[in-house]
Amino acid sequence: MQEFTISIDGMHCMACVRRVKAALEKTPGVVDAVVEVGRARGQVEGASVDDVVTAVTGAGYHAKPE
């Protein structure tokens, strides 16, 4: 199973974290997702990097693999 970290731009508060985490958890293949506002990143286990970036972008934020 693939595990990776993504940088997430645009998060400012815990509501942003909840929105990104919810989008990631709805992404097919995601087994686990941890999102940190202070570090502006997320750790994801499961889905492909492209699917995760698409999910975060769809939630209104910018993401890229680290």
N, C-alpha and C. Protein backbone atom coordinates (compact mmCIF):
# COMPACT_ATOMS: atom_id res chain seq x y z
N MET A 1 0.84 -1.17 0.00
CA MET A 1 0.00 0.00 0.00
C MET A 1 0.88 1.24 0.00
N GLN A 2 0.51 2.22 -0.79
CA GLN A 2 1.29 3.44 -0.96
C GLN A 2 1.00 4.43 0.17
N GLU A 3 2.05 5.06 0.68
CA GLU A 3 1.91 6.12 1.67
C GLU A 3 2.77 7.30 1.22
N PHE A 4 2.22 8.51 1.29
CA PHE A 4 2.96 9.68 0.83
C PHE A 4 2.48 10.93 1.56
N THR A 5 3.25 12.01 1.40
CA THR A 5 2.94 13.30 2.01
C THR A 5 2.68 14.31 0.91
N ILE A 6 1.68 15.18 1.13
CA ILE A 6 1.39 16.25 0.20
C ILE A 6 1.44 17.59 0.93
N SER A 7 1.86 18.62 0.22
CA SER A 7 1.79 20.00 0.73
C SER A 7 0.42 20.54 0.35
N ILE A 8 -0.20 21.25 1.28
CA ILE A 8 -1.54 21.80 1.03
C ILE A 8 -1.50 23.30 1.32
N ASP A 9 -1.76 24.10 0.31
CA ASP A 9 -1.79 25.56 0.46
C ASP A 9 -3.22 26.04 0.60
N GLY A 10 -3.41 27.04 1.46
CA GLY A 10 -4.72 27.66 1.61
C GLY A 10 -5.45 27.30 2.88
N MET A 11 -4.93 26.38 3.67
CA MET A 11 -5.58 26.03 4.93
C MET A 11 -5.20 27.06 5.99
N HIS A 12 -6.21 27.53 6.75
CA HIS A 12 -5.94 28.55 7.76
C HIS A 12 -6.47 28.18 9.15
N CYS A 13 -7.33 27.17 9.22
CA CYS A 13 -7.97 26.88 10.50
C CYS A 13 -8.40 25.41 10.56
N MET A 14 -8.97 25.03 11.67
CA MET A 14 -9.40 23.64 11.84
C MET A 14 -10.58 23.30 10.92
N ALA A 15 -11.38 24.27 10.55
CA ALA A 15 -12.46 24.01 9.59
C ALA A 15 -11.87 23.60 8.24
N CYS A 16 -10.78 24.23 7.86
CA CYS A 16 -10.08 23.85 6.62
C CYS A 16 -9.57 22.42 6.72
N VAL A 17 -9.00 22.08 7.85
CA VAL A 17 -8.49 20.72 8.06
C VAL A 17 -9.63 19.72 7.92
N ARG A 18 -10.76 20.00 8.55
CA ARG A 18 -11.90 19.08 8.46
C ARG A 18 -12.38 18.92 7.02
N ARG A 19 -12.41 20.02 6.27
CA ARG A 19 -12.87 19.98 4.88
C ARG A 19 -11.92 19.12 4.02
N VAL A 20 -10.61 19.33 4.19
CA VAL A 20 -9.63 18.56 3.42
C VAL A 20 -9.68 17.09 3.83
N LYS A 21 -9.74 16.82 5.12
CA LYS A 21 -9.78 15.44 5.60
C LYS A 21 -11.03 14.72 5.07
N ALA A 22 -12.17 15.40 5.08
CA ALA A 22 -13.40 14.80 4.56
C ALA A 22 -13.27 14.48 3.08
N ALA A 23 -12.67 15.41 2.32
CA ALA A 23 -12.47 15.17 0.89
C ALA A 23 -11.56 13.97 0.66
N LEU A 24 -10.51 13.87 1.46
CA LEU A 24 -9.58 12.74 1.31
C LEU A 24 -10.25 11.42 1.68
N GLU A 25 -11.05 11.43 2.75
CA GLU A 25 -11.70 10.20 3.18
C GLU A 25 -12.74 9.71 2.18
N LYS A 26 -13.27 10.61 1.35
CA LYS A 26 -14.23 10.22 0.31
C LYS A 26 -13.54 9.70 -0.95
N THR A 27 -12.22 9.87 -1.02
CA THR A 27 -11.47 9.46 -2.20
C THR A 27 -11.30 7.94 -2.21
N PRO A 28 -11.74 7.28 -3.29
CA PRO A 28 -11.60 5.82 -3.36
C PRO A 28 -10.14 5.39 -3.18
N GLY A 29 -9.96 4.42 -2.31
CA GLY A 29 -8.62 3.88 -2.08
C GLY A 29 -7.92 4.43 -0.86
N VAL A 30 -8.37 5.59 -0.35
CA VAL A 30 -7.73 6.16 0.84
C VAL A 30 -8.08 5.31 2.05
N VAL A 31 -7.04 4.84 2.73
CA VAL A 31 -7.21 4.03 3.93
C VAL A 31 -7.10 4.91 5.17
N ASP A 32 -6.19 5.89 5.13
CA ASP A 32 -5.99 6.79 6.27
C ASP A 32 -5.48 8.13 5.76
N ALA A 33 -5.90 9.20 6.43
CA ALA A 33 -5.45 10.54 6.06
C ALA A 33 -5.28 11.37 7.33
N VAL A 34 -4.12 12.00 7.46
CA VAL A 34 -3.83 12.90 8.57
C VAL A 34 -3.50 14.25 7.97
N VAL A 35 -4.22 15.30 8.42
CA VAL A 35 -4.04 16.64 7.87
C VAL A 35 -3.61 17.57 9.00
N GLU A 36 -2.56 18.36 8.76
CA GLU A 36 -2.02 19.28 9.77
C GLU A 36 -2.03 20.70 9.23
N VAL A 37 -2.77 21.58 9.90
CA VAL A 37 -2.84 22.97 9.45
C VAL A 37 -1.52 23.70 9.69
N GLY A 38 -0.87 23.47 10.81
CA GLY A 38 0.37 24.16 11.14
C GLY A 38 1.50 23.88 10.18
N ARG A 39 1.55 22.67 9.70
CA ARG A 39 2.60 22.28 8.76
C ARG A 39 2.13 22.36 7.31
N ALA A 40 0.84 22.64 7.12
CA ALA A 40 0.23 22.75 5.79
C ALA A 40 0.53 21.52 4.95
N ARG A 41 0.24 20.35 5.54
CA ARG A 41 0.50 19.12 4.80
C ARG A 41 -0.46 18.03 5.23
N GLY A 42 -0.45 16.98 4.45
CA GLY A 42 -1.25 15.81 4.77
C GLY A 42 -0.47 14.55 4.47
N GLN A 43 -0.70 13.54 5.27
CA GLN A 43 -0.12 12.22 5.02
C GLN A 43 -1.26 11.31 4.65
N VAL A 44 -1.10 10.62 3.55
CA VAL A 44 -2.18 9.80 3.01
C VAL A 44 -1.67 8.39 2.77
N GLU A 45 -2.51 7.43 3.09
CA GLU A 45 -2.20 6.03 2.81
C GLU A 45 -3.30 5.49 1.92
N GLY A 46 -2.90 4.89 0.82
CA GLY A 46 -3.88 4.25 -0.04
C GLY A 46 -3.86 4.76 -1.46
N ALA A 47 -4.75 5.68 -1.77
CA ALA A 47 -5.03 6.13 -3.14
C ALA A 47 -3.79 6.67 -3.85
N SER A 48 -3.95 6.91 -5.15
CA SER A 48 -2.85 7.46 -5.94
C SER A 48 -2.65 8.94 -5.62
N VAL A 49 -1.47 9.42 -5.87
CA VAL A 49 -1.14 10.83 -5.63
C VAL A 49 -2.06 11.71 -6.46
N ASP A 50 -2.28 11.36 -7.71
CA ASP A 50 -3.14 12.18 -8.59
C ASP A 50 -4.55 12.28 -8.05
N ASP A 51 -5.11 11.18 -7.55
CA ASP A 51 -6.47 11.19 -6.99
C ASP A 51 -6.55 12.07 -5.75
N VAL A 52 -5.51 12.02 -4.93
CA VAL A 52 -5.48 12.83 -3.70
C VAL A 52 -5.37 14.31 -4.04
N VAL A 53 -4.49 14.67 -4.96
CA VAL A 53 -4.36 16.07 -5.38
C VAL A 53 -5.68 16.57 -5.96
N THR A 54 -6.34 15.76 -6.75
CA THR A 54 -7.64 16.13 -7.33
C THR A 54 -8.67 16.35 -6.23
N ALA A 55 -8.69 15.50 -5.21
CA ALA A 55 -9.65 15.64 -4.11
C ALA A 55 -9.42 16.93 -3.33
N VAL A 56 -8.16 17.24 -3.04
CA VAL A 56 -7.84 18.45 -2.29
C VAL A 56 -8.18 19.68 -3.11
N THR A 57 -7.87 19.65 -4.39
CA THR A 57 -8.19 20.76 -5.29
C THR A 57 -9.71 20.96 -5.36
N GLY A 58 -10.45 19.86 -5.42
CA GLY A 58 -11.90 19.94 -5.44
C GLY A 58 -12.48 20.52 -4.18
N ALA A 59 -11.76 20.42 -3.07
CA ALA A 59 -12.21 20.99 -1.80
C ALA A 59 -11.85 22.48 -1.70
N GLY A 60 -11.13 23.01 -2.70
CA GLY A 60 -10.83 24.42 -2.73
C GLY A 60 -9.43 24.81 -2.29
N TYR A 61 -8.52 23.85 -2.25
CA TYR A 61 -7.15 24.11 -1.81
C TYR A 61 -6.18 23.66 -2.90
N HIS A 62 -4.93 24.01 -2.75
CA HIS A 62 -3.90 23.61 -3.70
C HIS A 62 -3.03 22.55 -3.04
N ALA A 63 -2.72 21.51 -3.78
CA ALA A 63 -1.89 20.41 -3.22
C ALA A 63 -0.86 19.97 -4.23
N LYS A 64 0.26 19.48 -3.69
CA LYS A 64 1.30 18.89 -4.53
C LYS A 64 2.07 17.89 -3.67
N PRO A 65 2.59 16.85 -4.30
CA PRO A 65 3.37 15.86 -3.54
C PRO A 65 4.66 16.48 -3.01
N GLU A 66 5.07 16.05 -1.83
CA GLU A 66 6.36 16.51 -1.27
C GLU A 66 7.47 15.60 -1.73
